[in-house]
Each structure stands twice: as structure tokens, then as C-alpha cells.
Amino acid sequence: MADGSYMHESEFKKEFAARLAVLRNNAGVSARDMSLSLGQNPGYINNIENLKTLPSMTMFFKICDFLRITPADFFDTFKKKGKNSKVGELSQILEFLDSKQVDALYTLVSELNK
């Protein structure tokens, strides 16, 4: 990281997997379909998202191409710090909530903001 610190491998894997899952879900594609579209076995993306493996550099670029993002876009949330980092994390979590949960969270945040 730019400030001289570095991320432990297990922490990196978790963040990489979470970011991939968010981007894939945003693209509206299943892990299986994405794996097959990339020419891999059906469980390939699932294995990455479940922290079993990381893609090769070549496959990482193919993943970015598939998602229509740049590698810099993929790692964008890794470099954010402080409040902005928490906001980014919250936005990723929101992707997995149903509409009832989002409404409840909105009500809570609105009350905190008064």
C-alpha cells in the first residue's frame, strides 16, 4: 500500500473475494456462468469467492475485461481510507440486503442524521 503498510495475504484474499462478489452481483451474473464464460470449470469463481484460490494475473485481466472494468477500478476500494473506506464497505454490504432491510437501515440512518 502507498503508506508503506501492507495487507496480510489472508486479509487480501478476503477483500479480493468480497470485491469480486460485489462486482459480479452488480453485473447480474452467477458465479457459475461467469466461470464458464471465462473458459474455466463451473466452480472457478466460487472457489475465488470462498477464499480457496486467487486468479493468475492473466485470469485477473480476463475477469476485469468480463466485468468491463479496469484493474484500477477493481482495486479502487482497497486504497480508500478512513470514513470513505467505511462508506465503501457499507455500500458493498447494502448490495446483499433485501428491500425491507434497506428500508430499516435507511430509517435508522435518517434518525442518526437528525
Foldseek 3Di string as FASTA:
>chain_A
DVVPDDDDPQRVLQLLLLLLVLLCVVVVDDQQVLQVVLVHHSCVNVCSNVSNDDDDPVSVCVSCVVSVHGVCVSCVLVPDDDPVNVVVVVVSVVSPDDPVVVVVVVVVVVVVVD
